[in-house]
N, C-alpha and C. Protein backbone atom coordinates (compact mmCIF):
# COMPACT_ATOMS: atom_id res chain seq x y z
N MET A 1 176.45 -107.77 -103.85
CA MET A 1 176.91 -106.58 -103.13
C MET A 1 176.03 -106.35 -101.92
N SER A 2 176.60 -106.13 -100.83
CA SER A 2 175.85 -105.89 -99.61
C SER A 2 175.17 -104.54 -99.66
N SER A 3 173.85 -104.51 -99.34
CA SER A 3 173.14 -103.23 -99.35
C SER A 3 173.67 -102.33 -98.25
N THR A 4 174.24 -102.91 -97.21
CA THR A 4 174.77 -102.11 -96.11
C THR A 4 175.89 -101.21 -96.58
N LYS A 5 176.70 -101.71 -97.49
CA LYS A 5 177.87 -100.95 -97.93
C LYS A 5 177.47 -99.67 -98.65
N ILE A 6 176.37 -99.72 -99.41
CA ILE A 6 175.96 -98.50 -100.11
C ILE A 6 174.86 -97.76 -99.35
N LEU A 7 174.40 -98.37 -98.26
CA LEU A 7 173.39 -97.73 -97.44
C LEU A 7 173.99 -96.76 -96.45
N LEU A 8 175.15 -97.08 -95.91
CA LEU A 8 175.75 -96.24 -94.87
C LEU A 8 175.98 -94.80 -95.31
N PRO A 9 176.55 -94.56 -96.50
CA PRO A 9 176.74 -93.16 -96.91
C PRO A 9 175.42 -92.42 -97.02
N LEU A 10 174.36 -93.11 -97.43
CA LEU A 10 173.06 -92.49 -97.57
C LEU A 10 172.54 -91.97 -96.24
N LEU A 11 172.77 -92.75 -95.18
CA LEU A 11 172.21 -92.40 -93.88
C LEU A 11 173.03 -91.34 -93.15
N THR A 12 174.26 -91.08 -93.62
CA THR A 12 175.11 -90.14 -92.91
C THR A 12 175.28 -88.81 -93.63
N LEU A 13 174.81 -88.74 -94.87
CA LEU A 13 174.97 -87.50 -95.62
C LEU A 13 173.68 -86.71 -95.62
N SER A 14 173.79 -85.40 -95.79
CA SER A 14 172.61 -84.56 -95.99
C SER A 14 172.76 -83.91 -97.36
N PHE A 15 171.63 -83.67 -98.00
CA PHE A 15 171.68 -83.22 -99.39
C PHE A 15 170.80 -81.98 -99.60
N ALA A 16 171.22 -81.14 -100.56
CA ALA A 16 170.46 -79.95 -100.90
C ALA A 16 169.35 -80.31 -101.87
N ILE A 17 168.23 -79.64 -101.73
CA ILE A 17 167.10 -79.86 -102.62
C ILE A 17 166.84 -78.56 -103.39
N THR A 18 167.16 -78.57 -104.68
CA THR A 18 166.93 -77.40 -105.52
C THR A 18 166.41 -77.84 -106.86
N GLY A 19 166.28 -76.91 -107.81
CA GLY A 19 165.75 -77.23 -109.13
C GLY A 19 166.80 -77.74 -110.06
N CYS A 20 166.35 -78.29 -111.23
CA CYS A 20 167.31 -78.80 -112.20
C CYS A 20 166.87 -78.46 -113.60
N GLY A 21 167.77 -78.64 -114.57
CA GLY A 21 167.45 -78.35 -115.96
C GLY A 21 168.32 -79.17 -116.87
N GLY A 22 168.32 -78.83 -118.15
CA GLY A 22 169.07 -79.59 -119.14
C GLY A 22 170.52 -79.19 -119.18
N SER A 23 171.23 -79.73 -120.19
CA SER A 23 172.67 -79.52 -120.28
C SER A 23 173.03 -78.19 -120.90
N GLY A 24 172.15 -77.68 -121.77
CA GLY A 24 172.44 -76.42 -122.45
C GLY A 24 173.46 -76.59 -123.57
N SER A 25 173.89 -77.82 -123.87
CA SER A 25 174.92 -78.05 -124.88
C SER A 25 174.33 -78.36 -126.24
N GLY A 26 173.01 -78.59 -126.31
CA GLY A 26 172.38 -78.97 -127.55
C GLY A 26 172.29 -80.47 -127.72
N ASP A 27 173.05 -81.23 -126.94
CA ASP A 27 172.99 -82.69 -126.96
C ASP A 27 172.07 -83.13 -125.82
N PRO A 28 170.90 -83.71 -126.13
CA PRO A 28 169.94 -84.05 -125.07
C PRO A 28 170.44 -85.14 -124.12
N TYR A 29 171.51 -85.85 -124.52
CA TYR A 29 172.01 -86.95 -123.70
C TYR A 29 173.17 -86.52 -122.80
N LYS A 30 173.55 -85.25 -122.87
CA LYS A 30 174.60 -84.73 -122.00
C LYS A 30 173.98 -83.88 -120.89
N ILE A 31 174.72 -83.77 -119.80
CA ILE A 31 174.26 -82.94 -118.69
C ILE A 31 175.44 -82.14 -118.17
N GLY A 32 175.20 -80.86 -117.86
CA GLY A 32 176.26 -80.00 -117.34
C GLY A 32 176.52 -80.25 -115.87
N GLU A 33 177.63 -79.73 -115.41
CA GLU A 33 178.03 -79.97 -114.01
C GLU A 33 177.01 -79.47 -113.02
N GLU A 34 176.57 -78.22 -113.17
CA GLU A 34 175.63 -77.65 -112.20
C GLU A 34 174.33 -78.44 -112.17
N ASN A 35 173.81 -78.77 -113.35
CA ASN A 35 172.55 -79.51 -113.41
C ASN A 35 172.70 -80.93 -112.85
N TYR A 36 173.85 -81.54 -113.10
CA TYR A 36 174.08 -82.88 -112.56
C TYR A 36 174.07 -82.87 -111.04
N LEU A 37 174.78 -81.93 -110.45
CA LEU A 37 174.88 -81.89 -108.99
C LEU A 37 173.54 -81.59 -108.35
N VAL A 38 172.74 -80.74 -108.99
CA VAL A 38 171.41 -80.42 -108.47
C VAL A 38 170.51 -81.65 -108.56
N LEU A 39 170.54 -82.32 -109.71
CA LEU A 39 169.71 -83.52 -109.88
C LEU A 39 170.14 -84.62 -108.91
N ARG A 40 171.44 -84.79 -108.75
CA ARG A 40 171.94 -85.79 -107.81
C ARG A 40 171.41 -85.51 -106.40
N GLY A 41 171.46 -84.23 -106.01
CA GLY A 41 170.97 -83.87 -104.68
C GLY A 41 169.53 -84.26 -104.46
N LYS A 42 168.71 -84.17 -105.50
CA LYS A 42 167.31 -84.56 -105.38
C LYS A 42 167.15 -86.07 -105.31
N LEU A 43 167.90 -86.77 -106.16
CA LEU A 43 167.72 -88.21 -106.28
C LEU A 43 168.22 -88.99 -105.06
N VAL A 44 169.23 -88.48 -104.38
CA VAL A 44 169.79 -89.22 -103.25
C VAL A 44 169.18 -88.80 -101.91
N SER A 45 168.13 -88.00 -101.95
CA SER A 45 167.46 -87.57 -100.72
C SER A 45 166.16 -88.32 -100.52
N PRO A 46 165.85 -88.75 -99.30
CA PRO A 46 164.55 -89.37 -99.03
C PRO A 46 163.37 -88.45 -99.38
N ARG A 47 163.64 -87.15 -99.51
CA ARG A 47 162.58 -86.21 -99.88
C ARG A 47 162.16 -86.37 -101.34
N ILE A 48 162.79 -87.28 -102.05
CA ILE A 48 162.38 -87.56 -103.42
C ILE A 48 160.89 -87.88 -103.48
N PHE A 49 160.34 -88.48 -102.42
CA PHE A 49 158.92 -88.84 -102.38
C PHE A 49 158.01 -87.63 -102.23
N LEU A 50 158.58 -86.52 -101.78
CA LEU A 50 157.80 -85.30 -101.58
C LEU A 50 158.03 -84.27 -102.68
N ASP A 51 159.22 -84.30 -103.28
CA ASP A 51 159.63 -83.19 -104.14
C ASP A 51 159.69 -83.51 -105.63
N MET A 52 159.60 -84.78 -106.01
CA MET A 52 159.78 -85.11 -107.41
C MET A 52 158.55 -85.80 -108.00
N ASN A 53 158.52 -85.81 -109.33
CA ASN A 53 157.45 -86.46 -110.08
C ASN A 53 158.12 -87.33 -111.14
N LEU A 54 158.05 -88.65 -110.96
CA LEU A 54 158.70 -89.57 -111.89
C LEU A 54 158.22 -90.99 -111.66
N SER A 55 158.53 -91.85 -112.62
CA SER A 55 158.29 -93.28 -112.48
C SER A 55 159.63 -93.99 -112.66
N PHE A 56 159.75 -95.19 -112.07
CA PHE A 56 160.97 -95.95 -112.27
C PHE A 56 160.68 -97.44 -112.15
N THR A 57 161.58 -98.23 -112.70
CA THR A 57 161.46 -99.68 -112.61
C THR A 57 162.73 -100.26 -112.00
N TYR A 58 162.55 -101.33 -111.27
CA TYR A 58 163.66 -102.14 -110.78
C TYR A 58 163.21 -103.58 -110.91
N GLY A 59 163.93 -104.37 -111.71
CA GLY A 59 163.49 -105.74 -111.97
C GLY A 59 162.13 -105.71 -112.66
N ASN A 60 161.20 -106.49 -112.15
CA ASN A 60 159.86 -106.51 -112.74
C ASN A 60 158.86 -105.68 -111.96
N HIS A 61 159.36 -104.79 -111.11
CA HIS A 61 158.50 -103.92 -110.31
C HIS A 61 158.50 -102.49 -110.86
N ASN A 62 157.31 -101.90 -110.90
CA ASN A 62 157.16 -100.50 -111.32
C ASN A 62 156.81 -99.64 -110.11
N PHE A 63 157.34 -98.42 -110.11
CA PHE A 63 157.12 -97.48 -109.01
C PHE A 63 156.75 -96.12 -109.56
N LYS A 64 155.88 -95.40 -108.82
CA LYS A 64 155.50 -94.05 -109.22
C LYS A 64 155.62 -93.10 -108.02
N ILE A 65 156.10 -91.88 -108.29
CA ILE A 65 156.16 -90.83 -107.28
C ILE A 65 155.56 -89.57 -107.89
N ALA A 66 154.54 -89.01 -107.25
CA ALA A 66 153.89 -87.82 -107.80
C ALA A 66 153.11 -87.08 -106.72
N ASN A 67 153.34 -85.78 -106.62
CA ASN A 67 152.55 -84.92 -105.73
C ASN A 67 152.45 -85.48 -104.31
N SER A 68 153.62 -85.86 -103.75
CA SER A 68 153.71 -86.40 -102.39
C SER A 68 152.92 -87.69 -102.24
N LYS A 69 152.87 -88.46 -103.32
CA LYS A 69 152.23 -89.77 -103.28
C LYS A 69 153.17 -90.81 -103.89
N PHE A 70 153.02 -92.05 -103.45
CA PHE A 70 153.86 -93.15 -103.91
C PHE A 70 152.99 -94.34 -104.26
N ASP A 71 153.34 -95.01 -105.35
CA ASP A 71 152.65 -96.22 -105.76
C ASP A 71 153.72 -97.23 -106.19
N GLY A 72 153.80 -98.34 -105.48
CA GLY A 72 154.82 -99.31 -105.84
C GLY A 72 154.82 -100.49 -104.89
N TYR A 73 156.00 -101.00 -104.62
CA TYR A 73 156.13 -102.20 -103.79
C TYR A 73 157.07 -101.92 -102.62
N VAL A 74 156.61 -102.33 -101.45
CA VAL A 74 157.41 -102.21 -100.23
C VAL A 74 157.61 -103.62 -99.70
N GLN A 75 158.85 -104.10 -99.80
CA GLN A 75 159.16 -105.48 -99.42
C GLN A 75 158.22 -106.45 -100.15
N ASP A 76 158.08 -106.22 -101.45
CA ASP A 76 157.29 -107.05 -102.37
C ASP A 76 155.79 -107.01 -102.11
N GLU A 77 155.33 -106.04 -101.33
CA GLU A 77 153.89 -105.88 -101.11
C GLU A 77 153.43 -104.58 -101.77
N ARG A 78 152.37 -104.64 -102.56
CA ARG A 78 151.87 -103.47 -103.26
C ARG A 78 151.35 -102.45 -102.25
N ALA A 79 151.78 -101.22 -102.41
CA ALA A 79 151.38 -100.16 -101.48
C ALA A 79 151.20 -98.85 -102.22
N ILE A 80 150.21 -98.09 -101.81
CA ILE A 80 150.02 -96.72 -102.27
C ILE A 80 150.01 -95.85 -101.02
N ILE A 81 150.83 -94.81 -101.02
CA ILE A 81 150.99 -93.98 -99.82
C ILE A 81 150.81 -92.52 -100.18
N SER A 82 150.02 -91.81 -99.40
CA SER A 82 149.83 -90.38 -99.55
C SER A 82 150.45 -89.67 -98.35
N PHE A 83 151.44 -88.81 -98.62
CA PHE A 83 152.18 -88.14 -97.54
C PHE A 83 151.66 -86.73 -97.31
N ASP A 84 151.67 -86.32 -96.06
CA ASP A 84 151.41 -84.92 -95.71
C ASP A 84 152.76 -84.23 -95.58
N ALA A 85 153.20 -83.58 -96.68
CA ALA A 85 154.55 -83.01 -96.74
C ALA A 85 154.80 -81.98 -95.64
N SER A 86 153.75 -81.32 -95.16
CA SER A 86 153.91 -80.28 -94.14
C SER A 86 154.35 -80.85 -92.80
N THR A 87 154.24 -82.17 -92.62
CA THR A 87 154.61 -82.80 -91.35
C THR A 87 156.01 -83.41 -91.38
N TYR A 88 156.74 -83.21 -92.46
CA TYR A 88 158.06 -83.83 -92.61
C TYR A 88 159.03 -83.37 -91.52
N GLU A 89 159.71 -84.36 -90.90
CA GLU A 89 160.70 -84.08 -89.87
C GLU A 89 162.08 -84.40 -90.44
N LYS A 90 162.89 -83.39 -90.60
CA LYS A 90 164.18 -83.55 -91.27
C LYS A 90 165.09 -84.54 -90.57
N GLU A 91 165.16 -84.49 -89.26
CA GLU A 91 166.10 -85.33 -88.51
C GLU A 91 165.76 -86.82 -88.62
N THR A 92 164.48 -87.14 -88.58
CA THR A 92 164.05 -88.55 -88.59
C THR A 92 163.53 -89.00 -89.95
N THR A 93 163.28 -88.05 -90.85
CA THR A 93 162.65 -88.24 -92.17
C THR A 93 161.23 -88.78 -92.04
N GLN A 94 160.65 -88.68 -90.84
CA GLN A 94 159.29 -89.16 -90.66
C GLN A 94 158.28 -88.15 -91.18
N VAL A 95 157.17 -88.66 -91.68
CA VAL A 95 156.11 -87.81 -92.21
C VAL A 95 154.78 -88.54 -91.99
N GLN A 96 153.75 -87.78 -91.69
CA GLN A 96 152.42 -88.36 -91.53
C GLN A 96 151.92 -88.86 -92.88
N ALA A 97 151.31 -90.04 -92.89
CA ALA A 97 150.90 -90.62 -94.17
C ALA A 97 149.68 -91.50 -94.03
N ASP A 98 148.95 -91.61 -95.13
CA ASP A 98 147.88 -92.59 -95.27
C ASP A 98 148.41 -93.69 -96.17
N THR A 99 148.43 -94.91 -95.66
CA THR A 99 149.01 -96.03 -96.39
C THR A 99 147.93 -97.05 -96.74
N TYR A 100 147.97 -97.48 -97.99
CA TYR A 100 147.03 -98.47 -98.50
C TYR A 100 147.82 -99.69 -98.98
N TYR A 101 147.55 -100.86 -98.40
CA TYR A 101 148.21 -102.09 -98.80
C TYR A 101 147.20 -103.00 -99.49
N TYR A 102 147.66 -103.64 -100.58
CA TYR A 102 146.76 -104.54 -101.29
C TYR A 102 147.02 -105.97 -100.86
N ASP A 103 145.96 -106.62 -100.38
CA ASP A 103 146.04 -108.01 -99.97
C ASP A 103 145.69 -108.89 -101.17
N GLU A 104 146.69 -109.61 -101.67
CA GLU A 104 146.49 -110.43 -102.87
C GLU A 104 145.48 -111.56 -102.63
N SER A 105 145.47 -112.14 -101.45
CA SER A 105 144.55 -113.26 -101.18
C SER A 105 143.11 -112.77 -101.03
N ASP A 106 142.92 -111.63 -100.32
CA ASP A 106 141.57 -111.10 -100.12
C ASP A 106 141.10 -110.24 -101.28
N LYS A 107 142.04 -109.81 -102.14
CA LYS A 107 141.73 -108.89 -103.24
C LYS A 107 141.10 -107.61 -102.72
N VAL A 108 141.69 -107.09 -101.64
CA VAL A 108 141.15 -105.91 -100.96
C VAL A 108 142.29 -104.97 -100.60
N TRP A 109 142.02 -103.66 -100.70
CA TRP A 109 142.94 -102.64 -100.20
C TRP A 109 142.64 -102.41 -98.72
N TYR A 110 143.69 -102.36 -97.90
CA TYR A 110 143.56 -102.02 -96.49
C TYR A 110 144.24 -100.69 -96.22
N HIS A 111 143.64 -99.88 -95.37
CA HIS A 111 144.13 -98.53 -95.09
C HIS A 111 144.54 -98.38 -93.63
N GLU A 112 145.62 -97.63 -93.43
CA GLU A 112 146.01 -97.24 -92.08
C GLU A 112 146.71 -95.89 -92.13
N SER A 113 146.63 -95.14 -91.05
CA SER A 113 147.28 -93.84 -90.95
C SER A 113 148.38 -93.90 -89.90
N GLY A 114 149.41 -93.10 -90.10
CA GLY A 114 150.51 -93.06 -89.14
C GLY A 114 151.73 -92.42 -89.76
N LYS A 115 152.83 -92.46 -89.03
CA LYS A 115 154.06 -91.86 -89.52
C LYS A 115 154.91 -92.87 -90.27
N ASN A 116 155.46 -92.43 -91.38
CA ASN A 116 156.38 -93.25 -92.17
C ASN A 116 157.75 -92.58 -92.19
N ALA A 117 158.81 -93.35 -92.09
CA ALA A 117 160.16 -92.81 -92.24
C ALA A 117 160.54 -92.92 -93.72
N LEU A 118 160.72 -91.79 -94.36
CA LEU A 118 161.02 -91.79 -95.79
C LEU A 118 162.36 -92.47 -96.09
N ALA A 119 163.29 -92.41 -95.15
CA ALA A 119 164.59 -93.07 -95.35
C ALA A 119 164.40 -94.58 -95.47
N SER A 120 163.49 -95.13 -94.68
CA SER A 120 163.21 -96.57 -94.75
C SER A 120 162.56 -96.92 -96.08
N LEU A 121 161.59 -96.12 -96.50
CA LEU A 121 160.93 -96.37 -97.78
C LEU A 121 161.93 -96.26 -98.93
N TYR A 122 162.83 -95.31 -98.83
CA TYR A 122 163.89 -95.14 -99.84
C TYR A 122 164.71 -96.42 -99.99
N ASN A 123 164.98 -97.07 -98.87
CA ASN A 123 165.77 -98.30 -98.90
C ASN A 123 164.96 -99.49 -99.43
N TYR A 124 163.71 -99.59 -98.99
CA TYR A 124 162.86 -100.71 -99.40
C TYR A 124 162.54 -100.69 -100.89
N THR A 125 162.60 -99.52 -101.51
CA THR A 125 162.22 -99.39 -102.92
C THR A 125 163.43 -99.37 -103.85
N TYR A 126 164.58 -99.80 -103.36
CA TYR A 126 165.81 -99.95 -104.15
C TYR A 126 166.47 -98.62 -104.53
N LEU A 127 165.87 -97.51 -104.13
CA LEU A 127 166.47 -96.22 -104.47
C LEU A 127 167.79 -96.00 -103.75
N TYR A 128 168.05 -96.76 -102.67
CA TYR A 128 169.32 -96.61 -101.96
C TYR A 128 170.51 -96.84 -102.89
N ILE A 129 170.31 -97.55 -104.00
CA ILE A 129 171.38 -97.79 -104.96
C ILE A 129 171.91 -96.47 -105.51
N LEU A 130 171.06 -95.45 -105.52
CA LEU A 130 171.47 -94.14 -106.04
C LEU A 130 172.56 -93.48 -105.19
N SER A 131 172.81 -94.00 -103.98
CA SER A 131 173.87 -93.41 -103.16
C SER A 131 175.23 -93.60 -103.79
N ALA A 132 175.33 -94.46 -104.81
CA ALA A 132 176.59 -94.65 -105.53
C ALA A 132 176.77 -93.65 -106.67
N LEU A 133 175.82 -92.73 -106.85
CA LEU A 133 176.00 -91.68 -107.86
C LEU A 133 177.26 -90.89 -107.54
N PRO A 134 178.14 -90.69 -108.52
CA PRO A 134 179.38 -89.95 -108.26
C PRO A 134 179.11 -88.60 -107.62
N THR A 135 179.88 -88.27 -106.59
CA THR A 135 179.68 -86.99 -105.90
C THR A 135 180.30 -85.84 -106.67
N SER A 136 181.23 -86.13 -107.58
CA SER A 136 181.90 -85.10 -108.36
C SER A 136 181.63 -85.30 -109.84
N TYR A 137 181.30 -84.23 -110.53
CA TYR A 137 181.05 -84.29 -111.98
C TYR A 137 182.31 -84.72 -112.72
N ASP A 138 183.47 -84.40 -112.18
CA ASP A 138 184.73 -84.75 -112.83
C ASP A 138 184.96 -86.26 -112.89
N GLN A 139 184.23 -87.01 -112.10
CA GLN A 139 184.36 -88.47 -112.13
C GLN A 139 183.70 -89.09 -113.36
N LEU A 140 182.85 -88.32 -114.03
CA LEU A 140 182.07 -88.85 -115.15
C LEU A 140 182.85 -88.79 -116.45
N SER A 141 182.74 -89.87 -117.23
CA SER A 141 183.35 -89.94 -118.56
C SER A 141 182.24 -90.23 -119.57
N TYR A 142 182.13 -89.40 -120.62
CA TYR A 142 181.03 -89.52 -121.58
C TYR A 142 181.43 -90.34 -122.79
N ASN A 143 180.60 -91.31 -123.17
CA ASN A 143 180.81 -92.12 -124.37
C ASN A 143 179.88 -91.59 -125.47
N GLU A 144 180.46 -90.98 -126.51
CA GLU A 144 179.67 -90.35 -127.56
C GLU A 144 178.78 -91.33 -128.30
N SER A 145 179.27 -92.55 -128.55
CA SER A 145 178.50 -93.51 -129.34
C SER A 145 177.35 -94.14 -128.53
N LYS A 146 177.59 -94.37 -127.24
CA LYS A 146 176.56 -94.97 -126.39
C LYS A 146 175.63 -93.93 -125.78
N HIS A 147 176.03 -92.66 -125.80
CA HIS A 147 175.27 -91.59 -125.14
C HIS A 147 175.10 -91.88 -123.66
N LYS A 148 176.14 -92.41 -123.04
CA LYS A 148 176.09 -92.75 -121.62
C LYS A 148 177.35 -92.23 -120.93
N TYR A 149 177.21 -91.95 -119.64
CA TYR A 149 178.34 -91.59 -118.80
C TYR A 149 178.74 -92.81 -117.98
N SER A 150 180.02 -92.91 -117.66
CA SER A 150 180.49 -93.98 -116.80
C SER A 150 181.42 -93.42 -115.74
N ALA A 151 181.54 -94.16 -114.65
CA ALA A 151 182.42 -93.73 -113.56
C ALA A 151 182.76 -94.93 -112.69
N SER A 152 183.89 -94.86 -112.01
CA SER A 152 184.26 -95.84 -111.00
C SER A 152 184.13 -95.16 -109.65
N VAL A 153 183.36 -95.76 -108.77
CA VAL A 153 183.06 -95.16 -107.48
C VAL A 153 183.52 -96.09 -106.37
N ASN A 154 184.30 -95.56 -105.44
CA ASN A 154 184.77 -96.34 -104.30
C ASN A 154 183.87 -96.05 -103.11
N MET A 155 183.15 -97.06 -102.66
CA MET A 155 182.27 -96.90 -101.52
C MET A 155 182.58 -97.97 -100.48
N GLU A 156 182.94 -97.52 -99.30
CA GLU A 156 183.26 -98.42 -98.20
C GLU A 156 184.33 -99.43 -98.62
N GLY A 157 185.29 -98.98 -99.44
CA GLY A 157 186.38 -99.84 -99.87
C GLY A 157 186.05 -100.76 -101.03
N GLU A 158 184.83 -100.66 -101.56
CA GLU A 158 184.41 -101.50 -102.68
C GLU A 158 184.33 -100.65 -103.94
N LEU A 159 184.93 -101.10 -105.04
CA LEU A 159 184.94 -100.36 -106.29
C LEU A 159 183.72 -100.74 -107.11
N LEU A 160 182.91 -99.74 -107.44
CA LEU A 160 181.68 -99.95 -108.19
C LEU A 160 181.81 -99.33 -109.58
N ALA A 161 181.35 -100.05 -110.60
CA ALA A 161 181.29 -99.51 -111.96
C ALA A 161 179.89 -98.97 -112.18
N VAL A 162 179.79 -97.67 -112.46
CA VAL A 162 178.50 -97.00 -112.58
C VAL A 162 178.32 -96.49 -114.01
N GLU A 163 177.14 -96.71 -114.57
CA GLU A 163 176.81 -96.18 -115.90
C GLU A 163 175.51 -95.40 -115.81
N LEU A 164 175.51 -94.19 -116.37
CA LEU A 164 174.36 -93.30 -116.27
C LEU A 164 173.93 -92.83 -117.65
N GLY A 165 172.61 -92.82 -117.87
CA GLY A 165 172.06 -92.27 -119.09
C GLY A 165 171.15 -91.10 -118.77
N PHE A 166 171.35 -89.98 -119.47
CA PHE A 166 170.52 -88.79 -119.25
C PHE A 166 169.79 -88.41 -120.53
N GLU A 167 168.68 -87.73 -120.36
CA GLU A 167 167.98 -87.16 -121.51
C GLU A 167 167.27 -85.90 -121.05
N ASN A 168 167.58 -84.78 -121.71
CA ASN A 168 166.98 -83.49 -121.38
C ASN A 168 167.11 -83.15 -119.89
N GLY A 169 168.28 -83.44 -119.34
CA GLY A 169 168.56 -83.05 -117.96
C GLY A 169 168.05 -84.00 -116.90
N ASN A 170 167.44 -85.12 -117.32
CA ASN A 170 166.91 -86.09 -116.36
C ASN A 170 167.66 -87.41 -116.47
N LEU A 171 167.84 -88.08 -115.33
CA LEU A 171 168.44 -89.40 -115.32
C LEU A 171 167.40 -90.40 -115.82
N ILE A 172 167.74 -91.16 -116.88
CA ILE A 172 166.78 -92.13 -117.41
C ILE A 172 167.24 -93.58 -117.21
N SER A 173 168.54 -93.80 -117.07
CA SER A 173 169.01 -95.16 -116.78
C SER A 173 170.21 -95.09 -115.85
N TYR A 174 170.29 -96.07 -114.97
CA TYR A 174 171.33 -96.07 -113.94
C TYR A 174 171.69 -97.51 -113.62
N LYS A 175 172.93 -97.85 -113.88
CA LYS A 175 173.38 -99.23 -113.66
C LYS A 175 174.62 -99.24 -112.78
N VAL A 176 174.61 -100.13 -111.78
CA VAL A 176 175.75 -100.30 -110.89
C VAL A 176 176.18 -101.76 -110.96
N GLU A 177 177.48 -101.96 -111.16
CA GLU A 177 178.01 -103.33 -111.20
C GLU A 177 179.09 -103.49 -110.13
N ALA A 178 178.92 -104.51 -109.32
CA ALA A 178 179.92 -104.88 -108.31
C ALA A 178 179.87 -106.41 -108.23
N ASP A 179 179.33 -106.95 -107.15
CA ASP A 179 179.14 -108.39 -107.06
C ASP A 179 177.99 -108.86 -107.96
N GLY A 180 177.12 -107.94 -108.31
CA GLY A 180 176.00 -108.21 -109.21
C GLY A 180 175.68 -106.96 -109.99
N THR A 181 174.63 -107.01 -110.80
CA THR A 181 174.21 -105.86 -111.58
C THR A 181 172.90 -105.32 -111.03
N PHE A 182 172.85 -104.02 -110.80
CA PHE A 182 171.66 -103.35 -110.28
C PHE A 182 171.26 -102.28 -111.30
N LEU A 183 170.02 -102.31 -111.75
CA LEU A 183 169.59 -101.41 -112.82
C LEU A 183 168.28 -100.73 -112.46
N LEU A 184 168.29 -99.40 -112.54
CA LEU A 184 167.08 -98.59 -112.37
C LEU A 184 166.84 -97.83 -113.67
N ASP A 185 165.60 -97.82 -114.13
CA ASP A 185 165.22 -97.01 -115.30
C ASP A 185 164.17 -96.00 -114.85
N PHE A 186 164.35 -94.74 -115.26
CA PHE A 186 163.45 -93.65 -114.87
C PHE A 186 162.75 -93.09 -116.09
N TYR A 187 161.50 -92.68 -115.91
CA TYR A 187 160.73 -92.13 -117.04
C TYR A 187 159.54 -91.32 -116.51
N ASP A 188 158.82 -90.71 -117.43
CA ASP A 188 157.62 -89.91 -117.12
C ASP A 188 157.87 -88.83 -116.07
N TYR A 189 159.01 -88.14 -116.20
CA TYR A 189 159.27 -87.00 -115.32
C TYR A 189 158.20 -85.93 -115.56
N GLY A 190 157.56 -85.49 -114.49
CA GLY A 190 156.54 -84.46 -114.59
C GLY A 190 155.22 -84.93 -115.15
N LYS A 191 155.11 -86.20 -115.50
CA LYS A 191 153.89 -86.74 -116.10
C LYS A 191 153.26 -87.86 -115.28
N THR A 192 153.91 -88.24 -114.21
CA THR A 192 153.45 -89.38 -113.41
C THR A 192 152.24 -89.00 -112.56
N VAL A 193 151.29 -89.91 -112.48
CA VAL A 193 150.08 -89.71 -111.68
C VAL A 193 149.89 -90.91 -110.76
N VAL A 194 149.58 -90.66 -109.51
CA VAL A 194 149.29 -91.71 -108.53
C VAL A 194 147.84 -91.56 -108.09
N ASN A 195 147.07 -92.60 -108.25
CA ASN A 195 145.66 -92.60 -107.86
C ASN A 195 145.47 -93.34 -106.54
N ILE A 196 144.80 -92.68 -105.61
CA ILE A 196 144.52 -93.27 -104.30
C ILE A 196 143.30 -94.17 -104.40
N PRO A 197 143.33 -95.37 -103.80
CA PRO A 197 142.16 -96.26 -103.83
C PRO A 197 140.93 -95.58 -103.24
N THR A 198 139.81 -95.78 -103.91
CA THR A 198 138.55 -95.22 -103.42
C THR A 198 137.75 -96.24 -102.63
N GLU A 199 138.06 -97.51 -102.80
CA GLU A 199 137.40 -98.57 -102.04
C GLU A 199 138.45 -99.33 -101.23
N TYR A 200 138.27 -99.35 -99.92
CA TYR A 200 139.24 -100.00 -99.05
C TYR A 200 138.61 -100.29 -97.69
N GLN A 201 139.29 -101.09 -96.91
CA GLN A 201 138.85 -101.40 -95.57
C GLN A 201 139.90 -100.88 -94.57
N GLU A 202 139.43 -100.46 -93.41
CA GLU A 202 140.37 -100.01 -92.39
C GLU A 202 141.10 -101.20 -91.80
N ASN A 203 142.39 -101.04 -91.59
CA ASN A 203 143.20 -102.09 -91.01
C ASN A 203 143.11 -102.00 -89.49
N ASP A 204 142.48 -102.97 -88.87
CA ASP A 204 142.25 -102.93 -87.41
C ASP A 204 143.54 -103.15 -86.65
């Protein structure tokens, strides 16, 4: 599946950022309409790096987001980034940041300061796949035995099969099938910690 096809809606839509909660139904694997739409708004926004606390995996890579900090891989290079949320520019998604890259050959962290576009980071970290989250709660169908929701989503003329798993109001698994299978797993909501390197060299 071409990343461009699911990237375009992400770059043209704007999303609300508000709070979220559980389903209120007593079933921890179900989510209500209001909570789903609020959570979706958070997950499909580049501000996820500033506003949320969670960990996720894609393939064999692990990622962490906590307190306006990021720890993970950017184009297969290990990076830890600390954002100054007060400098966020809505139109460009740029924000002032301290970025630390780990050089595998030198076994050294390198540091540089500058502006980062959160929309670009969102794409490089595979989160752009979340743009296929159904925009309407009515699109979701719940499977009682699997404790998962499913939906068919048409994006740029391509039909995507989406499967979502929730627990206590949080998205914990997300799978998209089209030309291939794309899987994100989320965990440690509110418990994720990102540690900034204390030993590093300035990147000249």
